[in-house]
Amino acid sequence: VIGQIMETQGPQNGEDPLAHYLRVVGDKTGSLIATSARFGALLSGAPREITETLTKFGEQIGIAFQLADDVIDIASESNQSGKTPGTDLREGVPTLVTLNVMASGKPEDADLQRLLSGPIHDETEVQQVLRALRSHEALNLARQQLGQIAKDARTALGPLPVGPATGALFSLCDAVIDRSA
């Protein structure tokens, strides 16, 4: 709920939009997966340390999942992902990729930043922006940021014993990254 309220309000004056976005994602998708992981651990009778480890992992993998979705919305063709590319662009929803562009201080990004400043209703413009974003360094930066969050999720699993369940969670980290490739 807090994440949804923060998303609706947007960043406050002087607040870094990217930091705000990552906090919103953590409070929405991250907290949802963290809570699911926590209750799974609690209901299975896991010790406190394992419960805390899985909660931390859940938050990180939830954030990574959302960031992967941001990348997919720009980078994938609909026949690959099953999603219509540019949905967030049409709705004017900020994503990791678009926020990276907006943070660019490069003069050559001014036109793209203008287009990204709100919803894009013209389909020709949506396709133009998708082409620009697919070749923009902001997309690669978003992939790197996603990779770091997935790595953080993997690192959070450190205290867990080696075994099939832990291996499955490591595989989940890889799958989140692979789905955005």
C-alpha atoms as a PDB file:
ATOM      1  CA  VAL A   1       0.000   0.000   0.000  1.00  0.00           C
ATOM      2  CA  ILE A   2       2.804   2.408   0.909  1.00  0.00           C
ATOM      3  CA  GLY A   3       4.510   1.821  -2.434  1.00  0.00           C
ATOM      4  CA  GLN A   4       1.305   2.551  -4.346  1.00  0.00           C
ATOM      5  CA  ILE A   5       0.779   5.791  -2.422  1.00  0.00           C
ATOM      6  CA  MET A   6       4.393   6.824  -3.039  1.00  0.00           C
ATOM      7  CA  GLU A   7       4.044   6.011  -6.742  1.00  0.00           C
ATOM      8  CA  THR A   8       0.872   8.085  -7.006  1.00  0.00           C
ATOM      9  CA  GLN A   9       2.454  11.045  -5.202  1.00  0.00           C
ATOM     10  CA  GLY A  10       5.683  10.895  -7.194  1.00  0.00           C
ATOM     11  CA  PRO A  11       9.055  12.101  -5.982  1.00  0.00           C
ATOM     12  CA  GLN A  12       9.069  15.042  -3.596  1.00  0.00           C
ATOM     13  CA  ASN A  13      10.871  18.297  -4.419  1.00  0.00           C
ATOM     14  CA  GLY A  14      14.589  17.656  -4.547  1.00  0.00           C
ATOM     15  CA  GLU A  15      14.183  13.869  -4.362  1.00  0.00           C
ATOM     16  CA  ASP A  16      16.098  11.816  -6.911  1.00  0.00           C
ATOM     17  CA  PRO A  17      13.435  10.277  -9.212  1.00  0.00           C
ATOM     18  CA  LEU A  18      15.463   7.071  -9.660  1.00  0.00           C
ATOM     19  CA  ALA A  19      15.935   6.586  -5.909  1.00  0.00           C
ATOM     20  CA  HIS A  20      12.208   7.265  -5.441  1.00  0.00           C
ATOM     21  CA  TYR A  21      11.341   4.712  -8.127  1.00  0.00           C
ATOM     22  CA  LEU A  22      13.536   2.012  -6.595  1.00  0.00           C
ATOM     23  CA  ARG A  23      11.956   2.648  -3.197  1.00  0.00           C
ATOM     24  CA  VAL A  24       8.472   2.380  -4.756  1.00  0.00           C
ATOM     25  CA  VAL A  25       9.419  -0.909  -6.448  1.00  0.00           C
ATOM     26  CA  GLY A  26      10.788  -2.190  -3.143  1.00  0.00           C
ATOM     27  CA  ASP A  27       7.612  -1.200  -1.331  1.00  0.00           C
ATOM     28  CA  LYS A  28       5.375  -2.756  -3.999  1.00  0.00           C
ATOM     29  CA  THR A  29       6.790  -5.827  -5.754  1.00  0.00           C
ATOM     30  CA  GLY A  30       9.689  -6.279  -3.336  1.00  0.00           C
ATOM     31  CA  SER A  31       7.482  -6.281  -0.255  1.00  0.00           C
ATOM     32  CA  LEU A  32       4.947  -8.611  -1.886  1.00  0.00           C
ATOM     33  CA  ILE A  33       7.561 -11.271  -2.633  1.00  0.00           C
ATOM     34  CA  ALA A  34       9.341 -10.671   0.694  1.00  0.00           C
ATOM     35  CA  THR A  35       6.080 -11.251   2.565  1.00  0.00           C
ATOM     36  CA  SER A  36       5.390 -14.415   0.578  1.00  0.00           C
ATOM     37  CA  ALA A  37       8.873 -15.742   1.308  1.00  0.00           C
ATOM     38  CA  ARG A  38       8.557 -14.813   4.981  1.00  0.00           C
ATOM     39  CA  PHE A  39       5.210 -16.554   5.448  1.00  0.00           C
ATOM     40  CA  GLY A  40       6.487 -19.624   3.614  1.00  0.00           C
ATOM     41  CA  ALA A  41       9.423 -19.810   6.003  1.00  0.00           C
ATOM     42  CA  LEU A  42       7.277 -19.170   9.079  1.00  0.00           C
ATOM     43  CA  LEU A  43       4.659 -21.740   8.115  1.00  0.00           C
ATOM     44  CA  SER A  44       7.348 -24.345   7.503  1.00  0.00           C
ATOM     45  CA  GLY A  45       8.796 -23.759  10.967  1.00  0.00           C
ATOM     46  CA  ALA A  46      12.110 -22.381   9.698  1.00  0.00           C
ATOM     47  CA  PRO A  47      14.458 -20.853  12.273  1.00  0.00           C
ATOM     48  CA  ARG A  48      14.541 -17.067  12.604  1.00  0.00           C
ATOM     49  CA  GLU A  49      17.829 -16.704  10.670  1.00  0.00           C
ATOM     50  CA  ILE A  50      16.423 -18.626   7.697  1.00  0.00           C
ATOM     51  CA  THR A  51      13.179 -16.632   7.833  1.00  0.00           C
ATOM     52  CA  GLU A  52      15.102 -13.343   7.765  1.00  0.00           C
ATOM     53  CA  THR A  53      17.341 -14.595   4.959  1.00  0.00           C
ATOM     54  CA  LEU A  54      14.360 -15.593   2.826  1.00  0.00           C
ATOM     55  CA  THR A  55      12.607 -12.294   3.550  1.00  0.00           C
ATOM     56  CA  LYS A  56      15.639 -10.319   2.391  1.00  0.00           C
ATOM     57  CA  PHE A  57      15.971 -12.554  -0.665  1.00  0.00           C
ATOM     58  CA  GLY A  58      12.273 -12.112  -1.462  1.00  0.00           C
ATOM     59  CA  GLU A  59      12.551  -8.342  -1.424  1.00  0.00           C
ATOM     60  CA  GLN A  60      15.602  -8.333  -3.705  1.00  0.00           C
ATOM     61  CA  ILE A  61      14.217 -10.858  -6.186  1.00  0.00           C
ATOM     62  CA  GLY A  62      10.891  -8.978  -6.239  1.00  0.00           C
ATOM     63  CA  ILE A  63      12.699  -5.765  -7.140  1.00  0.00           C
ATOM     64  CA  ALA A  64      14.727  -7.618  -9.773  1.00  0.00           C
ATOM     65  CA  PHE A  65      11.535  -9.076 -11.252  1.00  0.00           C
ATOM     66  CA  GLN A  66      10.018  -5.602 -11.661  1.00  0.00           C
ATOM     67  CA  LEU A  67      13.210  -4.192 -13.173  1.00  0.00           C
ATOM     68  CA  ALA A  68      13.271  -7.112 -15.632  1.00  0.00           C
ATOM     69  CA  ASP A  69       9.695  -6.216 -16.554  1.00  0.00           C
ATOM     70  CA  ASP A  70      10.846  -2.646 -17.245  1.00  0.00           C
ATOM     71  CA  VAL A  71      13.552  -3.916 -19.595  1.00  0.00           C
ATOM     72  CA  ILE A  72      11.165  -6.335 -21.322  1.00  0.00           C
ATOM     73  CA  ASP A  73       8.644  -3.537 -21.956  1.00  0.00           C
ATOM     74  CA  ILE A  74      11.277  -1.760 -24.054  1.00  0.00           C
ATOM     75  CA  ALA A  75      13.588  -4.462 -25.404  1.00  0.00           C
ATOM     76  CA  SER A  76      11.295  -7.335 -26.358  1.00  0.00           C
ATOM     77  CA  GLU A  77       9.095  -7.812 -29.356  1.00  0.00           C
ATOM     78  CA  SER A  78       5.570  -8.964 -28.493  1.00  0.00           C
ATOM     79  CA  ASN A  79       6.132 -12.341 -30.188  1.00  0.00           C
ATOM     80  CA  GLN A  80       9.015 -12.963 -27.744  1.00  0.00           C
ATOM     81  CA  SER A  81       7.476 -11.764 -24.500  1.00  0.00           C
ATOM     82  CA  GLY A  82       3.735 -12.003 -25.027  1.00  0.00           C
ATOM     83  CA  LYS A  83       3.523  -8.351 -23.942  1.00  0.00           C
ATOM     84  CA  THR A  84       2.823  -5.327 -26.078  1.00  0.00           C
ATOM     85  CA  PRO A  85       6.086  -3.350 -26.095  1.00  0.00           C
ATOM     86  CA  GLY A  86       5.833   0.242 -24.904  1.00  0.00           C
ATOM     87  CA  THR A  87       2.853  -0.225 -22.592  1.00  0.00           C
ATOM     88  CA  ASP A  88       4.509   1.892 -19.908  1.00  0.00           C
ATOM     89  CA  LEU A  89       5.369   4.555 -22.510  1.00  0.00           C
ATOM     90  CA  ARG A  90       1.734   4.787 -23.586  1.00  0.00           C
ATOM     91  CA  GLU A  91       0.643   5.197 -19.964  1.00  0.00           C
ATOM     92  CA  GLY A  92       3.420   7.618 -19.027  1.00  0.00           C
ATOM     93  CA  VAL A  93       4.627   5.273 -16.289  1.00  0.00           C
ATOM     94  CA  PRO A  94       8.258   5.871 -15.306  1.00  0.00           C
ATOM     95  CA  THR A  95      10.503   2.821 -15.550  1.00  0.00           C
ATOM     96  CA  LEU A  96      14.141   2.122 -14.854  1.00  0.00           C
ATOM     97  CA  VAL A  97      15.007   2.617 -18.525  1.00  0.00           C
ATOM     98  CA  THR A  98      13.133   5.894 -18.950  1.00  0.00           C
ATOM     99  CA  LEU A  99      14.420   7.276 -15.659  1.00  0.00           C
ATOM    100  CA  ASN A 100      17.970   6.517 -16.784  1.00  0.00           C
ATOM    101  CA  VAL A 101      17.317   8.561 -19.939  1.00  0.00           C
ATOM    102  CA  MET A 102      15.744  11.392 -17.942  1.00  0.00           C
ATOM    103  CA  ALA A 103      18.832  11.494 -15.701  1.00  0.00           C
ATOM    104  CA  SER A 104      21.121  11.901 -18.703  1.00  0.00           C
ATOM    105  CA  GLY A 105      22.700  15.294 -18.956  1.00  0.00           C
ATOM    106  CA  LYS A 106      23.506  14.815 -22.620  1.00  0.00           C
ATOM    107  CA  PRO A 107      22.127  17.480 -24.989  1.00  0.00           C
ATOM    108  CA  GLU A 108      21.400  14.807 -27.631  1.00  0.00           C
ATOM    109  CA  ASP A 109      18.853  13.244 -25.257  1.00  0.00           C
ATOM    110  CA  ALA A 110      16.712  16.407 -25.003  1.00  0.00           C
ATOM    111  CA  ASP A 111      14.168  15.364 -27.668  1.00  0.00           C
ATOM    112  CA  LEU A 112      13.808  11.882 -26.197  1.00  0.00           C
ATOM    113  CA  GLN A 113      13.434  13.340 -22.702  1.00  0.00           C
ATOM    114  CA  ARG A 114      10.675  15.635 -23.964  1.00  0.00           C
ATOM    115  CA  LEU A 115       8.803  12.656 -25.415  1.00  0.00           C
ATOM    116  CA  LEU A 116       9.262  10.698 -22.170  1.00  0.00           C
ATOM    117  CA  SER A 117       7.911  13.497 -19.978  1.00  0.00           C
ATOM    118  CA  GLY A 118       4.351  12.136 -20.168  1.00  0.00           C
ATOM    119  CA  PRO A 119       2.129   9.527 -21.823  1.00  0.00           C
ATOM    120  CA  ILE A 120       2.738   8.928 -25.533  1.00  0.00           C
ATOM    121  CA  HIS A 121      -0.564   8.467 -27.351  1.00  0.00           C
ATOM    122  CA  ASP A 122       0.608   8.602 -30.958  1.00  0.00           C
ATOM    123  CA  GLU A 123       1.582   5.087 -32.106  1.00  0.00           C
ATOM    124  CA  THR A 124       4.197   6.436 -34.515  1.00  0.00           C
ATOM    125  CA  GLU A 125       5.869   8.256 -31.615  1.00  0.00           C
ATOM    126  CA  VAL A 126       5.687   5.117 -29.449  1.00  0.00           C
ATOM    127  CA  GLN A 127       7.532   3.151 -32.131  1.00  0.00           C
ATOM    128  CA  GLN A 128      10.047   5.995 -32.586  1.00  0.00           C
ATOM    129  CA  VAL A 129      10.740   6.092 -28.840  1.00  0.00           C
ATOM    130  CA  LEU A 130      11.036   2.294 -28.643  1.00  0.00           C
ATOM    131  CA  ARG A 131      13.650   2.336 -31.427  1.00  0.00           C
ATOM    132  CA  ALA A 132      15.552   5.130 -29.680  1.00  0.00           C
ATOM    133  CA  LEU A 133      15.449   3.373 -26.301  1.00  0.00           C
ATOM    134  CA  ARG A 134      16.523   0.024 -27.740  1.00  0.00           C
ATOM    135  CA  SER A 135      19.749   1.593 -28.984  1.00  0.00           C
ATOM    136  CA  HIS A 136      20.236   3.929 -26.010  1.00  0.00           C
ATOM    137  CA  GLU A 137      22.848   3.278 -23.336  1.00  0.00           C
ATOM    138  CA  ALA A 138      20.044   3.627 -20.747  1.00  0.00           C
ATOM    139  CA  LEU A 139      18.780   0.159 -21.682  1.00  0.00           C
ATOM    140  CA  ASN A 140      22.194  -1.425 -21.095  1.00  0.00           C
ATOM    141  CA  LEU A 141      22.522   0.518 -17.848  1.00  0.00           C
ATOM    142  CA  ALA A 142      19.121  -0.833 -16.746  1.00  0.00           C
ATOM    143  CA  ARG A 143      20.298  -4.368 -17.529  1.00  0.00           C
ATOM    144  CA  GLN A 144      23.407  -3.772 -15.411  1.00  0.00           C
ATOM    145  CA  GLN A 145      21.296  -2.392 -12.555  1.00  0.00           C
ATOM    146  CA  LEU A 146      18.992  -5.414 -12.802  1.00  0.00           C
ATOM    147  CA  GLY A 147      22.022  -7.721 -12.765  1.00  0.00           C
ATOM    148  CA  GLN A 148      23.298  -6.067  -9.591  1.00  0.00           C
ATOM    149  CA  ILE A 149      19.945  -6.443  -7.802  1.00  0.00           C
ATOM    150  CA  ALA A 150      19.758 -10.117  -8.865  1.00  0.00           C
ATOM    151  CA  LYS A 151      23.328 -10.544  -7.589  1.00  0.00           C
ATOM    152  CA  ASP A 152      22.237  -8.953  -4.284  1.00  0.00           C
ATOM    153  CA  ALA A 153      19.368 -11.462  -4.115  1.00  0.00           C
ATOM    154  CA  ARG A 154      21.805 -14.318  -4.736  1.00  0.00           C
ATOM    155  CA  THR A 155      24.165 -12.962  -2.059  1.00  0.00           C
ATOM    156  CA  ALA A 156      21.275 -12.755   0.412  1.00  0.00           C
ATOM    157  CA  LEU A 157      20.983 -16.546   0.150  1.00  0.00           C
ATOM    158  CA  GLY A 158      24.470 -16.970   1.662  1.00  0.00           C
ATOM    159  CA  PRO A 159      23.329 -18.214   5.098  1.00  0.00           C
ATOM    160  CA  LEU A 160      21.130 -20.965   3.608  1.00  0.00           C
ATOM    161  CA  PRO A 161      22.389 -24.542   3.621  1.00  0.00           C
ATOM    162  CA  VAL A 162      23.412 -26.029   0.289  1.00  0.00           C
ATOM    163  CA  GLY A 163      20.644 -28.154  -1.154  1.00  0.00           C
ATOM    164  CA  PRO A 164      17.939 -28.457  -3.796  1.00  0.00           C
ATOM    165  CA  ALA A 165      15.779 -25.634  -2.383  1.00  0.00           C
ATOM    166  CA  THR A 166      18.691 -23.193  -2.285  1.00  0.00           C
ATOM    167  CA  GLY A 167      19.692 -24.293  -5.773  1.00  0.00           C
ATOM    168  CA  ALA A 168      16.172 -23.553  -7.001  1.00  0.00           C
ATOM    169  CA  LEU A 169      16.387 -20.034  -5.536  1.00  0.00           C
ATOM    170  CA  PHE A 170      19.730 -19.480  -7.281  1.00  0.00           C
ATOM    171  CA  SER A 171      18.079 -20.640 -10.510  1.00  0.00           C
ATOM    172  CA  LEU A 172      15.289 -18.130  -9.920  1.00  0.00           C
ATOM    173  CA  CYS A 173      17.900 -15.339  -9.824  1.00  0.00           C
ATOM    174  CA  ASP A 174      19.248 -16.520 -13.173  1.00  0.00           C
ATOM    175  CA  ALA A 175      15.749 -16.849 -14.646  1.00  0.00           C
ATOM    176  CA  VAL A 176      14.847 -13.268 -13.731  1.00  0.00           C
ATOM    177  CA  ILE A 177      17.920 -12.003 -15.587  1.00  0.00           C
ATOM    178  CA  ASP A 178      17.400 -14.382 -18.523  1.00  0.00           C
ATOM    179  CA  ARG A 179      13.786 -13.292 -19.027  1.00  0.00           C
ATOM    180  CA  SER A 180      14.988  -9.757 -19.747  1.00  0.00           C
ATOM    181  CA  ALA A 181      17.794 -10.724 -22.140  1.00  0.00           C
END
